[in-house]
PDB file of N, CA and C in Angstrom:
ATOM      1  N   MET A   1      73.174 164.253  25.151  1.00  0.00           N
ATOM      2  CA  MET A   1      72.301 163.108  25.137  1.00  0.00           C
ATOM      3  C   MET A   1      71.484 163.042  23.853  1.00  0.00           C
ATOM      4  N   ALA A   2      71.112 164.192  23.334  1.00  0.00           N
ATOM      5  CA  ALA A   2      70.289 164.211  22.125  1.00  0.00           C
ATOM      6  C   ALA A   2      71.015 163.564  20.948  1.00  0.00           C
ATOM      7  N   SER A   3      72.315 163.799  20.835  1.00  0.00           N
ATOM      8  CA  SER A   3      73.061 163.203  19.724  1.00  0.00           C
ATOM      9  C   SER A   3      73.175 161.687  19.889  1.00  0.00           C
ATOM     10  N   ILE A   4      73.230 161.218  21.127  1.00  0.00           N
ATOM     11  CA  ILE A   4      73.269 159.774  21.370  1.00  0.00           C
ATOM     12  C   ILE A   4      71.931 159.157  20.977  1.00  0.00           C
ATOM     13  N   ARG A   5      70.831 159.823  21.326  1.00  0.00           N
ATOM     14  CA  ARG A   5      69.506 159.332  20.938  1.00  0.00           C
ATOM     15  C   ARG A   5      69.355 159.316  19.414  1.00  0.00           C
ATOM     16  N   ARG A   6      69.909 160.321  18.747  1.00  0.00           N
ATOM     17  CA  ARG A   6      69.832 160.351  17.273  1.00  0.00           C
ATOM     18  C   ARG A   6      70.545 159.150  16.662  1.00  0.00           C
ATOM     19  N   ASP A   7      71.661 158.742  17.261  1.00  0.00           N
ATOM     20  CA  ASP A   7      72.340 157.536  16.767  1.00  0.00           C
ATOM     21  C   ASP A   7      71.426 156.321  16.878  1.00  0.00           C
ATOM     22  N   LEU A   8      70.731 156.206  17.977  1.00  0.00           N
ATOM     23  CA  LEU A   8      69.824 155.073  18.155  1.00  0.00           C
ATOM     24  C   LEU A   8      68.689 155.145  17.147  1.00  0.00           C
ATOM     25  N   ASP A   9      68.122 156.318  16.957  1.00  0.00           N
ATOM     26  CA  ASP A   9      67.036 156.490  15.990  1.00  0.00           C
ATOM     27  C   ASP A   9      67.507 156.230  14.563  1.00  0.00           C
ATOM     28  N   ALA A  10      68.800 156.444  14.318  1.00  0.00           N
ATOM     29  CA  ALA A  10      69.374 156.212  12.986  1.00  0.00           C
ATOM     30  C   ALA A  10      69.817 154.756  12.819  1.00  0.00           C
ATOM     31  N   LYS A  11      69.360 153.899  13.714  1.00  0.00           N
ATOM     32  CA  LYS A  11      69.663 152.460  13.660  1.00  0.00           C
ATOM     33  C   LYS A  11      71.163 152.176  13.802  1.00  0.00           C
ATOM     34  N   LYS A  12      71.791 152.897  14.733  1.00  0.00           N
ATOM     35  CA  LYS A  12      73.197 152.675  15.057  1.00  0.00           C
ATOM     36  C   LYS A  12      73.315 152.287  16.533  1.00  0.00           C
ATOM     37  N   PRO A  13      72.685 151.171  16.925  1.00  0.00           N
ATOM     38  CA  PRO A  13      72.655 150.817  18.348  1.00  0.00           C
ATOM     39  C   PRO A  13      74.028 150.537  18.937  1.00  0.00           C
ATOM     40  N   HIS A  14      74.950 150.050  18.129  1.00  0.00           N
ATOM     41  CA  HIS A  14      76.274 149.681  18.635  1.00  0.00           C
ATOM     42  C   HIS A  14      77.076 150.923  19.012  1.00  0.00           C
ATOM     43  N   ALA A  15      76.955 151.946  18.208  1.00  0.00           N
ATOM     44  CA  ALA A  15      77.614 153.218  18.524  1.00  0.00           C
ATOM     45  C   ALA A  15      76.897 153.898  19.686  1.00  0.00           C
ATOM     46  N   THR A  16      75.581 153.785  19.712  1.00  0.00           N
ATOM     47  CA  THR A  16      74.774 154.409  20.761  1.00  0.00           C
ATOM     48  C   THR A  16      75.210 153.950  22.144  1.00  0.00           C
ATOM     49  N   LEU A  17      75.309 152.642  22.338  1.00  0.00           N
ATOM     50  CA  LEU A  17      75.627 152.126  23.670  1.00  0.00           C
ATOM     51  C   LEU A  17      77.063 152.429  24.066  1.00  0.00           C
ATOM     52  N   ASP A  18      77.974 152.454  23.111  1.00  0.00           N
ATOM     53  CA  ASP A  18      79.350 152.843  23.426  1.00  0.00           C
ATOM     54  C   ASP A  18      79.388 154.304  23.877  1.00  0.00           C
ATOM     55  N   ARG A  19      78.696 155.175  23.164  1.00  0.00           N
ATOM     56  CA  ARG A  19      78.672 156.597  23.521  1.00  0.00           C
ATOM     57  C   ARG A  19      77.928 156.844  24.831  1.00  0.00           C
ATOM     58  N   LEU A  20      76.849 156.103  25.066  1.00  0.00           N
ATOM     59  CA  LEU A  20      76.101 156.242  26.313  1.00  0.00           C
ATOM     60  C   LEU A  20      76.986 155.840  27.498  1.00  0.00           C
ATOM     61  N   HIS A  21      77.744 154.787  27.345  1.00  0.00           N
ATOM     62  CA  HIS A  21      78.658 154.345  28.391  1.00  0.00           C
ATOM     63  C   HIS A  21      79.687 155.445  28.689  1.00  0.00           C
ATOM     64  N   THR A  22      80.249 156.038  27.646  1.00  0.00           N
ATOM     65  CA  THR A  22      81.225 157.124  27.822  1.00  0.00           C
ATOM     66  C   THR A  22      80.591 158.299  28.556  1.00  0.00           C
ATOM     67  N   TYR A  23      79.368 158.659  28.173  1.00  0.00           N
ATOM     68  CA  TYR A  23      78.658 159.747  28.855  1.00  0.00           C
ATOM     69  C   TYR A  23      78.497 159.428  30.336  1.00  0.00           C
ATOM     70  N   CYS A  24      78.071 158.203  30.647  1.00  0.00           N
ATOM     71  CA  CYS A  24      77.863 157.808  32.046  1.00  0.00           C
ATOM     72  C   CYS A  24      79.167 157.839  32.830  1.00  0.00           C
ATOM     73  N   MET A  25      80.251 157.390  32.219  1.00  0.00           N
ATOM     74  CA  MET A  25      81.558 157.420  32.892  1.00  0.00           C
ATOM     75  C   MET A  25      81.908 158.851  33.299  1.00  0.00           C
ATOM     76  N   LYS A  26      81.741 159.776  32.376  1.00  0.00           N
ATOM     77  CA  LYS A  26      82.078 161.176  32.654  1.00  0.00           C
ATOM     78  C   LYS A  26      81.108 161.797  33.655  1.00  0.00           C
ATOM     79  N   ARG A  27      79.830 161.496  33.506  1.00  0.00           N
ATOM     80  CA  ARG A  27      78.823 162.083  34.394  1.00  0.00           C
ATOM     81  C   ARG A  27      79.031 161.639  35.840  1.00  0.00           C
ATOM     82  N   PHE A  28      79.256 160.341  36.034  1.00  0.00           N
ATOM     83  CA  PHE A  28      79.414 159.865  37.406  1.00  0.00           C
ATOM     84  C   PHE A  28      80.752 160.288  38.000  1.00  0.00           C
ATOM     85  N   ALA A  29      81.792 160.440  37.191  1.00  0.00           N
ATOM     86  CA  ALA A  29      83.057 160.982  37.705  1.00  0.00           C
ATOM     87  C   ALA A  29      82.830 162.406  38.212  1.00  0.00           C
ATOM     88  N   SER A  30      82.050 163.174  37.470  1.00  0.00           N
ATOM     89  CA  SER A  30      81.730 164.540  37.882  1.00  0.00           C
ATOM     90  C   SER A  30      80.920 164.554  39.173  1.00  0.00           C
ATOM     91  N   LEU A  31      79.956 163.661  39.280  1.00  0.00           N
ATOM     92  CA  LEU A  31      79.131 163.594  40.487  1.00  0.00           C
ATOM     93  C   LEU A  31      79.940 163.155  41.710  1.00  0.00           C
ATOM     94  N   VAL A  32      80.855 162.213  41.507  1.00  0.00           N
ATOM     95  CA  VAL A  32      81.714 161.767  42.617  1.00  0.00           C
ATOM     96  C   VAL A  32      82.543 162.940  43.126  1.00  0.00           C
ATOM     97  N   ARG A  33      83.133 163.685  42.197  1.00  0.00           N
ATOM     98  CA  ARG A  33      83.914 164.877  42.582  1.00  0.00           C
ATOM     99  C   ARG A  33      83.050 165.869  43.336  1.00  0.00           C
ATOM    100  N   LYS A  34      81.860 166.131  42.807  1.00  0.00           N
ATOM    101  CA  LYS A  34      80.956 167.122  43.395  1.00  0.00           C
ATOM    102  C   LYS A  34      80.576 166.769  44.828  1.00  0.00           C
ATOM    103  N   HIS A  35      80.414 165.489  45.099  1.00  0.00           N
ATOM    104  CA  HIS A  35      79.957 165.067  46.424  1.00  0.00           C
ATOM    105  C   HIS A  35      81.095 164.623  47.333  1.00  0.00           C
ATOM    106  N   GLY A  36      82.307 165.065  47.025  1.00  0.00           N
ATOM    107  CA  GLY A  36      83.426 164.845  47.932  1.00  0.00           C
ATOM    108  C   GLY A  36      84.051 163.479  47.877  1.00  0.00           C
ATOM    109  N   GLY A  37      83.836 162.755  46.796  1.00  0.00           N
ATOM    110  CA  GLY A  37      84.410 161.412  46.680  1.00  0.00           C
ATOM    111  C   GLY A  37      85.755 161.374  46.007  1.00  0.00           C
ATOM    112  N   GLY A  38      86.324 162.539  45.719  1.00  0.00           N
ATOM    113  CA  GLY A  38      87.635 162.588  45.083  1.00  0.00           C
ATOM    114  C   GLY A  38      87.554 162.371  43.579  1.00  0.00           C
ATOM    115  N   GLU A  39      88.683 162.021  43.024  1.00  0.00           N
ATOM    116  CA  GLU A  39      88.779 161.800  41.585  1.00  0.00           C
ATOM    117  C   GLU A  39      88.620 160.323  41.263  1.00  0.00           C
ATOM    118  N   CYS A  40      87.972 160.036  40.178  1.00  0.00           N
ATOM    119  CA  CYS A  40      87.884 158.662  39.683  1.00  0.00           C
ATOM    120  C   CYS A  40      89.109 158.387  38.824  1.00  0.00           C
ATOM    121  N   GLY A  41      89.661 157.208  38.952  1.00  0.00           N
ATOM    122  CA  GLY A  41      90.795 156.815  38.131  1.00  0.00           C
ATOM    123  C   GLY A  41      90.360 156.450  36.728  1.00  0.00           C
ATOM    124  N   HIS A  42      91.273 156.537  35.803  1.00  0.00           N
ATOM    125  CA  HIS A  42      90.990 156.232  34.398  1.00  0.00           C
ATOM    126  C   HIS A  42      90.453 154.804  34.233  1.00  0.00           C
ATOM    127  N   ASP A  43      90.941 153.891  35.054  1.00  0.00           N
ATOM    128  CA  ASP A  43      90.549 152.486  34.931  1.00  0.00           C
ATOM    129  C   ASP A  43      89.381 152.092  35.837  1.00  0.00           C
ATOM    130  N   ASP A  44      88.804 153.046  36.572  1.00  0.00           N
ATOM    131  CA  ASP A  44      87.652 152.724  37.424  1.00  0.00           C
ATOM    132  C   ASP A  44      86.461 152.374  36.544  1.00  0.00           C
ATOM    133  N   PRO A  45      85.875 151.180  36.713  1.00  0.00           N
ATOM    134  CA  PRO A  45      84.712 150.828  35.894  1.00  0.00           C
ATOM    135  C   PRO A  45      83.489 151.657  36.278  1.00  0.00           C
ATOM    136  N   LEU A  46      82.539 151.673  35.392  1.00  0.00           N
ATOM    137  CA  LEU A  46      81.338 152.485  35.568  1.00  0.00           C
ATOM    138  C   LEU A  46      80.618 152.164  36.869  1.00  0.00           C
ATOM    139  N   HIS A  47      80.408 150.899  37.159  1.00  0.00           N
ATOM    140  CA  HIS A  47      79.650 150.553  38.368  1.00  0.00           C
ATOM    141  C   HIS A  47      80.375 151.004  39.634  1.00  0.00           C
ATOM    142  N   SER A  48      81.709 151.056  39.610  1.00  0.00           N
ATOM    143  CA  SER A  48      82.451 151.564  40.764  1.00  0.00           C
ATOM    144  C   SER A  48      82.208 153.052  40.947  1.00  0.00           C
ATOM    145  N   ARG A  49      82.140 153.777  39.843  1.00  0.00           N
ATOM    146  CA  ARG A  49      81.862 155.209  39.915  1.00  0.00           C
ATOM    147  C   ARG A  49      80.456 155.453  40.457  1.00  0.00           C
ATOM    148  N   VAL A  50      79.505 154.658  39.996  1.00  0.00           N
ATOM    149  CA  VAL A  50      78.131 154.795  40.493  1.00  0.00           C
ATOM    150  C   VAL A  50      78.099 154.469  41.982  1.00  0.00           C
ATOM    151  N   GLY A  51      78.790 153.422  42.386  1.00  0.00           N
ATOM    152  CA  GLY A  51      78.842 153.049  43.800  1.00  0.00           C
ATOM    153  C   GLY A  51      79.449 154.141  44.666  1.00  0.00           C
ATOM    154  N   ARG A  52      80.512 154.761  44.189  1.00  0.00           N
ATOM    155  CA  ARG A  52      81.127 155.868  44.949  1.00  0.00           C
ATOM    156  C   ARG A  52      80.174 157.050  45.046  1.00  0.00           C
ATOM    157  N   TYR A  53      79.468 157.324  43.955  1.00  0.00           N
ATOM    158  CA  TYR A  53      78.482 158.415  43.974  1.00  0.00           C
ATOM    159  C   TYR A  53      77.409 158.120  45.016  1.00  0.00           C
ATOM    160  N   VAL A  54      76.875 156.918  44.995  1.00  0.00           N
ATOM    161  CA  VAL A  54      75.822 156.542  45.941  1.00  0.00           C
ATOM    162  C   VAL A  54      76.334 156.667  47.376  1.00  0.00           C
ATOM    163  N   LYS A  55      77.537 156.204  47.626  1.00  0.00           N
ATOM    164  CA  LYS A  55      78.101 156.244  48.978  1.00  0.00           C
ATOM    165  C   LYS A  55      78.255 157.682  49.477  1.00  0.00           C
ATOM    166  N   HIS A  56      78.866 158.523  48.689  1.00  0.00           N
ATOM    167  CA  HIS A  56      79.132 159.890  49.140  1.00  0.00           C
ATOM    168  C   HIS A  56      77.882 160.760  49.131  1.00  0.00           C
ATOM    169  N   PHE A  57      77.038 160.568  48.140  1.00  0.00           N
ATOM    170  CA  PHE A  57      75.803 161.334  48.077  1.00  0.00           C
ATOM    171  C   PHE A  57      74.878 160.935  49.229  1.00  0.00           C
ATOM    172  N   GLY A  58      74.755 159.635  49.451  1.00  0.00           N
ATOM    173  CA  GLY A  58      73.889 159.146  50.528  1.00  0.00           C
ATOM    174  C   GLY A  58      74.344 159.608  51.901  1.00  0.00           C
ATOM    175  N   ALA A  59      75.660 159.760  52.076  1.00  0.00           N
ATOM    176  CA  ALA A  59      76.193 160.222  53.358  1.00  0.00           C
ATOM    177  C   ALA A  59      75.836 161.683  53.607  1.00  0.00           C
ATOM    178  N   GLN A  60      75.602 162.443  52.541  1.00  0.00           N
ATOM    179  CA  GLN A  60      75.283 163.864  52.678  1.00  0.00           C
ATOM    180  C   GLN A  60      73.785 164.123  52.851  1.00  0.00           C
ATOM    181  N   ARG A  61      72.983 163.163  52.478  1.00  0.00           N
ATOM    182  CA  ARG A  61      71.534 163.353  52.510  1.00  0.00           C
ATOM    183  C   ARG A  61      70.883 162.294  53.387  1.00  0.00           C
ATOM    184  N   ASN A  62      69.768 162.619  53.940  1.00  0.00           N
ATOM    185  CA  ASN A  62      68.999 161.660  54.703  1.00  0.00           C
ATOM    186  C   ASN A  62      67.905 161.120  53.768  1.00  0.00           C
ATOM    187  N   LEU A  63      68.290 160.157  52.931  1.00  0.00           N
ATOM    188  CA  LEU A  63      67.362 159.630  51.930  1.00  0.00           C
ATOM    189  C   LEU A  63      66.363 158.672  52.564  1.00  0.00           C
ATOM    190  N   LEU A  64      65.176 158.664  52.020  1.00  0.00           N
ATOM    191  CA  LEU A  64      64.230 157.631  52.398  1.00  0.00           C
ATOM    192  C   LEU A  64      64.831 156.278  52.054  1.00  0.00           C
ATOM    193  N   GLN A  65      64.530 155.272  52.829  1.00  0.00           N
ATOM    194  CA  GLN A  65      65.090 153.941  52.601  1.00  0.00           C
ATOM    195  C   GLN A  65      64.779 153.456  51.189  1.00  0.00           C
ATOM    196  N   MET A  66      63.583 153.716  50.712  1.00  0.00           N
ATOM    197  CA  MET A  66      63.198 153.287  49.369  1.00  0.00           C
ATOM    198  C   MET A  66      64.052 153.965  48.303  1.00  0.00           C
ATOM    199  N   LEU A  67      64.302 155.266  48.448  1.00  0.00           N
ATOM    200  CA  LEU A  67      65.134 155.978  47.473  1.00  0.00           C
ATOM    201  C   LEU A  67      66.551 155.435  47.483  1.00  0.00           C
ATOM    202  N   GLU A  68      67.082 155.208  48.659  1.00  0.00           N
ATOM    203  CA  GLU A  68      68.432 154.666  48.757  1.00  0.00           C
ATOM    204  C   GLU A  68      68.518 153.287  48.102  1.00  0.00           C
ATOM    205  N   ARG A  69      67.512 152.472  48.302  1.00  0.00           N
ATOM    206  CA  ARG A  69      67.489 151.132  47.709  1.00  0.00           C
ATOM    207  C   ARG A  69      67.450 151.210  46.185  1.00  0.00           C
ATOM    208  N   ILE A  70      66.631 152.104  45.657  1.00  0.00           N
ATOM    209  CA  ILE A  70      66.548 152.257  44.198  1.00  0.00           C
ATOM    210  C   ILE A  70      67.884 152.719  43.635  1.00  0.00           C
ATOM    211  N   ILE A  71      68.478 153.715  44.257  1.00  0.00           N
ATOM    212  CA  ILE A  71      69.759 154.226  43.778  1.00  0.00           C
ATOM    213  C   ILE A  71      70.827 153.142  43.866  1.00  0.00           C
ATOM    214  N   LYS A  72      70.883 152.415  44.962  1.00  0.00           N
ATOM    215  CA  LYS A  72      71.873 151.344  45.103  1.00  0.00           C
ATOM    216  C   LYS A  72      71.648 150.222  44.095  1.00  0.00           C
ATOM    217  N   SER A  73      70.389 149.926  43.796  1.00  0.00           N
ATOM    218  CA  SER A  73      70.121 148.856  42.830  1.00  0.00           C
ATOM    219  C   SER A  73      70.604 149.217  41.433  1.00  0.00           C
ATOM    220  N   SER A  74      70.742 150.501  41.161  1.00  0.00           N
ATOM    221  CA  SER A  74      71.215 150.904  39.840  1.00  0.00           C
ATOM    222  C   SER A  74      72.685 150.540  39.626  1.00  0.00           C
ATOM    223  N   ILE A  75      73.431 150.297  40.697  1.00  0.00           N
ATOM    224  CA  ILE A  75      74.835 149.915  40.553  1.00  0.00           C
ATOM    225  C   ILE A  75      74.950 148.652  39.704  1.00  0.00           C
ATOM    226  N   SER A  76      74.113 147.657  39.969  1.00  0.00           N
ATOM    227  CA  SER A  76      74.187 146.409  39.204  1.00  0.00           C
ATOM    228  C   SER A  76      73.768 146.611  37.751  1.00  0.00           C
ATOM    229  N   VAL A  77      72.879 147.560  37.498  1.00  0.00           N
ATOM    230  CA  VAL A  77      72.494 147.876  36.118  1.00  0.00           C
ATOM    231  C   VAL A  77      73.697 148.433  35.365  1.00  0.00           C
ATOM    232  N   PHE A  78      74.418 149.339  35.992  1.00  0.00           N
ATOM    233  CA  PHE A  78      75.590 149.923  35.341  1.00  0.00           C
ATOM    234  C   PHE A  78      76.731 148.913  35.230  1.00  0.00           C
ATOM    235  N   GLU A  79      76.802 147.964  36.153  1.00  0.00           N
ATOM    236  CA  GLU A  79      77.804 146.906  36.027  1.00  0.00           C
ATOM    237  C   GLU A  79      77.521 146.058  34.783  1.00  0.00           C
ATOM    238  N   ALA A  80      76.266 145.734  34.566  1.00  0.00           N
ATOM    239  CA  ALA A  80      75.892 144.977  33.369  1.00  0.00           C
ATOM    240  C   ALA A  80      76.143 145.783  32.096  1.00  0.00           C
ATOM    241  N   MET A  81      76.037 147.099  32.202  1.00  0.00           N
ATOM    242  CA  MET A  81      76.290 147.939  31.032  1.00  0.00           C
ATOM    243  C   MET A  81      77.753 147.847  30.597  1.00  0.00           C
ATOM    244  N   ASN A  82      78.674 147.675  31.546  1.00  0.00           N
ATOM    245  CA  ASN A  82      80.082 147.485  31.190  1.00  0.00           C
ATOM    246  C   ASN A  82      80.235 146.303  30.236  1.00  0.00           C
ATOM    247  N   ASP A  83      79.577 145.197  30.560  1.00  0.00           N
ATOM    248  CA  ASP A  83      79.674 143.998  29.731  1.00  0.00           C
ATOM    249  C   ASP A  83      79.090 144.239  28.338  1.00  0.00           C
ATOM    250  N   ILE A  84      77.938 144.877  28.275  1.00  0.00           N
ATOM    251  CA  ILE A  84      77.310 145.170  26.977  1.00  0.00           C
ATOM    252  C   ILE A  84      78.230 146.054  26.147  1.00  0.00           C
ATOM    253  N   ARG A  85      78.763 147.084  26.750  1.00  0.00           N
ATOM    254  CA  ARG A  85      79.653 147.996  26.020  1.00  0.00           C
ATOM    255  C   ARG A  85      80.900 147.268  25.536  1.00  0.00           C
ATOM    256  N   ASN A  86      81.497 146.451  26.387  1.00  0.00           N
ATOM    257  CA  ASN A  86      82.749 145.781  26.024  1.00  0.00           C
ATOM    258  C   ASN A  86      82.563 144.621  25.053  1.00  0.00           C
ATOM    259  N   ASN A  87      81.410 143.952  25.105  1.00  0.00           N
ATOM    260  CA  ASN A  87      81.243 142.712  24.344  1.00  0.00           C
ATOM    261  C   ASN A  87      80.156 142.730  23.274  1.00  0.00           C
ATOM    262  N   LYS A  88      79.346 143.784  23.225  1.00  0.00           N
ATOM    263  CA  LYS A  88      78.244 143.817  22.259  1.00  0.00           C
ATOM    264  C   LYS A  88      78.141 145.136  21.503  1.00  0.00           C
ATOM    265  N   SER A  89      79.123 146.031  21.677  1.00  0.00           N
ATOM    266  CA  SER A  89      79.071 147.324  20.992  1.00  0.00           C
ATOM    267  C   SER A  89      80.306 147.480  20.106  1.00  0.00           C
ATOM    268  N   LEU A  90      80.464 148.641  19.540  1.00  0.00           N
ATOM    269  CA  LEU A  90      81.615 148.933  18.692  1.00  0.00           C
ATOM    270  C   LEU A  90      82.850 149.351  19.483  1.00  0.00           C
ATOM    271  N   ALA A  91      82.799 149.253  20.800  1.00  0.00           N
ATOM    272  CA  ALA A  91      83.945 149.640  21.619  1.00  0.00           C
ATOM    273  C   ALA A  91      85.153 148.753  21.335  1.00  0.00           C
ATOM    274  N   HIS A  92      84.894 147.522  20.944  1.00  0.00           N
ATOM    275  CA  HIS A  92      85.953 146.556  20.625  1.00  0.00           C
ATOM    276  C   HIS A  92      85.545 145.789  19.376  1.00  0.00           C
ATOM    277  N   ASP A  93      86.440 144.977  18.865  1.00  0.00           N
ATOM    278  CA  ASP A  93      86.168 144.169  17.673  1.00  0.00           C
ATOM    279  C   ASP A  93      85.340 142.948  18.089  1.00  0.00           C
ATOM    280  N   ASN A  94      84.058 143.186  18.313  1.00  0.00           N
ATOM    281  CA  ASN A  94      83.169 142.132  18.801  1.00  0.00           C
ATOM    282  C   ASN A  94      82.486 141.421  17.639  1.00  0.00           C
ATOM    283  N   PRO A  95      82.499 140.089  17.657  1.00  0.00           N
ATOM    284  CA  PRO A  95      81.870 139.341  16.562  1.00  0.00           C
ATOM    285  C   PRO A  95      80.335 139.394  16.599  1.00  0.00           C
ATOM    286  N   GLU A  96      79.788 139.563  17.785  1.00  0.00           N
ATOM    287  CA  GLU A  96      78.328 139.593  17.939  1.00  0.00           C
ATOM    288  C   GLU A  96      77.925 140.916  18.572  1.00  0.00           C
ATOM    289  N   LEU A  97      77.076 141.662  17.877  1.00  0.00           N
ATOM    290  CA  LEU A  97      76.652 142.968  18.362  1.00  0.00           C
ATOM    291  C   LEU A  97      75.194 142.925  18.805  1.00  0.00           C
ATOM    292  N   ILE A  98      74.840 143.844  19.664  1.00  0.00           N
ATOM    293  CA  ILE A  98      73.474 143.919  20.192  1.00  0.00           C
ATOM    294  C   ILE A  98      72.512 144.359  19.090  1.00  0.00           C
ATOM    295  N   ASP A  99      71.285 143.861  19.157  1.00  0.00           N
ATOM    296  CA  ASP A  99      70.312 144.291  18.146  1.00  0.00           C
ATOM    297  C   ASP A  99      69.620 145.578  18.585  1.00  0.00           C
ATOM    298  N   HIS A 100      68.925 146.173  17.661  1.00  0.00           N
ATOM    299  CA  HIS A 100      68.336 147.498  17.880  1.00  0.00           C
ATOM    300  C   HIS A 100      67.310 147.505  19.015  1.00  0.00           C
ATOM    301  N   ASP A 101      66.437 146.515  19.061  1.00  0.00           N
ATOM    302  CA  ASP A 101      65.394 146.495  20.099  1.00  0.00           C
ATOM    303  C   ASP A 101      65.985 146.357  21.502  1.00  0.00           C
ATOM    304  N   GLU A 102      66.989 145.498  21.635  1.00  0.00           N
ATOM    305  CA  GLU A 102      67.653 145.364  22.940  1.00  0.00           C
ATOM    306  C   GLU A 102      68.357 146.659  23.323  1.00  0.00           C
ATOM    307  N   ALA A 103      69.015 147.259  22.343  1.00  0.00           N
ATOM    308  CA  ALA A 103      69.719 148.518  22.600  1.00  0.00           C
ATOM    309  C   ALA A 103      68.740 149.613  23.012  1.00  0.00           C
ATOM    310  N   ARG A 104      67.593 149.672  22.379  1.00  0.00           N
ATOM    311  CA  ARG A 104      66.582 150.677  22.718  1.00  0.00           C
ATOM    312  C   ARG A 104      66.127 150.493  24.160  1.00  0.00           C
ATOM    313  N   PHE A 105      65.866 149.252  24.569  1.00  0.00           N
ATOM    314  CA  PHE A 105      65.422 148.994  25.943  1.00  0.00           C
ATOM    315  C   PHE A 105      66.509 149.410  26.941  1.00  0.00           C
ATOM    316  N   ILE A 106      67.753 149.057  26.668  1.00  0.00           N
ATOM    317  CA  ILE A 106      68.858 149.438  27.554  1.00  0.00           C
ATOM    318  C   ILE A 106      68.985 150.952  27.605  1.00  0.00           C
ATOM    319  N   PHE A 107      68.959 151.597  26.450  1.00  0.00           N
ATOM    320  CA  PHE A 107      69.067 153.054  26.378  1.00  0.00           C
ATOM    321  C   PHE A 107      67.959 153.717  27.200  1.00  0.00           C
ATOM    322  N   ASP A 108      66.716 153.285  27.007  1.00  0.00           N
ATOM    323  CA  ASP A 108      65.591 153.868  27.732  1.00  0.00           C
ATOM    324  C   ASP A 108      65.725 153.672  29.240  1.00  0.00           C
ATOM    325  N   SER A 109      66.185 152.492  29.649  1.00  0.00           N
ATOM    326  CA  SER A 109      66.333 152.200  31.077  1.00  0.00           C
ATOM    327  C   SER A 109      67.442 153.034  31.708  1.00  0.00           C
ATOM    328  N   ILE A 110      68.571 153.112  31.040  1.00  0.00           N
ATOM    329  CA  ILE A 110      69.695 153.896  31.566  1.00  0.00           C
ATOM    330  C   ILE A 110      69.329 155.379  31.610  1.00  0.00           C
ATOM    331  N   THR A 111      68.699 155.871  30.567  1.00  0.00           N
ATOM    332  CA  THR A 111      68.362 157.297  30.551  1.00  0.00           C
ATOM    333  C   THR A 111      67.297 157.633  31.590  1.00  0.00           C
ATOM    334  N   ALA A 112      66.448 156.674  31.942  1.00  0.00           N
ATOM    335  CA  ALA A 112      65.481 156.926  33.019  1.00  0.00           C
ATOM    336  C   ALA A 112      66.218 157.163  34.338  1.00  0.00           C
ATOM    337  N   ILE A 113      67.255 156.383  34.590  1.00  0.00           N
ATOM    338  CA  ILE A 113      68.061 156.587  35.794  1.00  0.00           C
ATOM    339  C   ILE A 113      68.784 157.929  35.711  1.00  0.00           C
ATOM    340  N   LEU A 114      69.369 158.206  34.559  1.00  0.00           N
ATOM    341  CA  LEU A 114      70.123 159.451  34.392  1.00  0.00           C
ATOM    342  C   LEU A 114      69.247 160.694  34.502  1.00  0.00           C
ATOM    343  N   ARG A 115      68.017 160.597  34.081  1.00  0.00           N
ATOM    344  CA  ARG A 115      67.123 161.764  34.207  1.00  0.00           C
ATOM    345  C   ARG A 115      66.973 162.170  35.656  1.00  0.00           C
ATOM    346  N   SER A 116      66.909 161.208  36.538  1.00  0.00           N
ATOM    347  CA  SER A 116      66.815 161.526  37.968  1.00  0.00           C
ATOM    348  C   SER A 116      68.113 162.131  38.466  1.00  0.00           C
ATOM    349  N   VAL A 117      69.229 161.590  38.019  1.00  0.00           N
ATOM    350  CA  VAL A 117      70.533 162.112  38.446  1.00  0.00           C
ATOM    351  C   VAL A 117      70.804 163.452  37.755  1.00  0.00           C
ATOM    352  N   ASP A 118      70.720 163.464  36.428  1.00  0.00           N
ATOM    353  CA  ASP A 118      71.014 164.678  35.682  1.00  0.00           C
ATOM    354  C   ASP A 118      69.978 165.769  35.916  1.00  0.00           C
ATOM    355  N   GLY A 119      68.746 165.361  36.162  1.00  0.00           N
ATOM    356  CA  GLY A 119      67.694 166.333  36.427  1.00  0.00           C
ATOM    357  C   GLY A 119      67.775 166.878  37.836  1.00  0.00           C
ATOM    358  N   ARG A 120      68.689 166.367  38.592  1.00  0.00           N
ATOM    359  CA  ARG A 120      68.976 166.811  39.951  1.00  0.00           C
ATOM    360  C   ARG A 120      67.792 166.645  40.896  1.00  0.00           C
ATOM    361  N   ARG A 121      66.963 165.666  40.612  1.00  0.00           N
ATOM    362  CA  ARG A 121      65.863 165.389  41.531  1.00  0.00           C
ATOM    363  C   ARG A 121      66.388 164.969  42.894  1.00  0.00           C
ATOM    364  N   PHE A 122      67.553 164.333  42.895  1.00  0.00           N
ATOM    365  CA  PHE A 122      68.142 163.905  44.158  1.00  0.00           C
ATOM    366  C   PHE A 122      69.385 164.719  44.491  1.00  0.00           C
ATOM    367  N   GLU A 123      69.563 165.838  43.831  1.00  0.00           N
ATOM    368  CA  GLU A 123      70.717 166.691  44.063  1.00  0.00           C
ATOM    369  C   GLU A 123      70.302 167.867  44.960  1.00  0.00           C
ATOM    370  N   ASP A 124      71.305 168.537  45.504  1.00  0.00           N
ATOM    371  CA  ASP A 124      71.044 169.746  46.305  1.00  0.00           C
ATOM    372  C   ASP A 124      70.681 170.890  45.403  1.00  0.00           C
TER     373      ASP A 124
END
């Protein structure tokens, strides 16, 4: 994560969001496996991986309704990230790229969610 943040600090927002998306894809595939959701397919979009994680993780834990709602709401955030990565980053030959301030806000928001997941606040 530190190297991804360095890209953003170096004013490379387009590379940052592409790399952040790749990190999230791998992280949620790992979490799905860990919580008994099987393997994610190569073509499974990010929001599907997050949804599978939420489903299998939630089935193993008795989460407070508020926590479950917050975790489930993050699915739509990651779905929107697919569009940003595909249409506003260096992942493809996109004519219009995201600006630095927008990328910083997206990066900060996504990493706030990941800190809870990666920090294992909701993990066993």
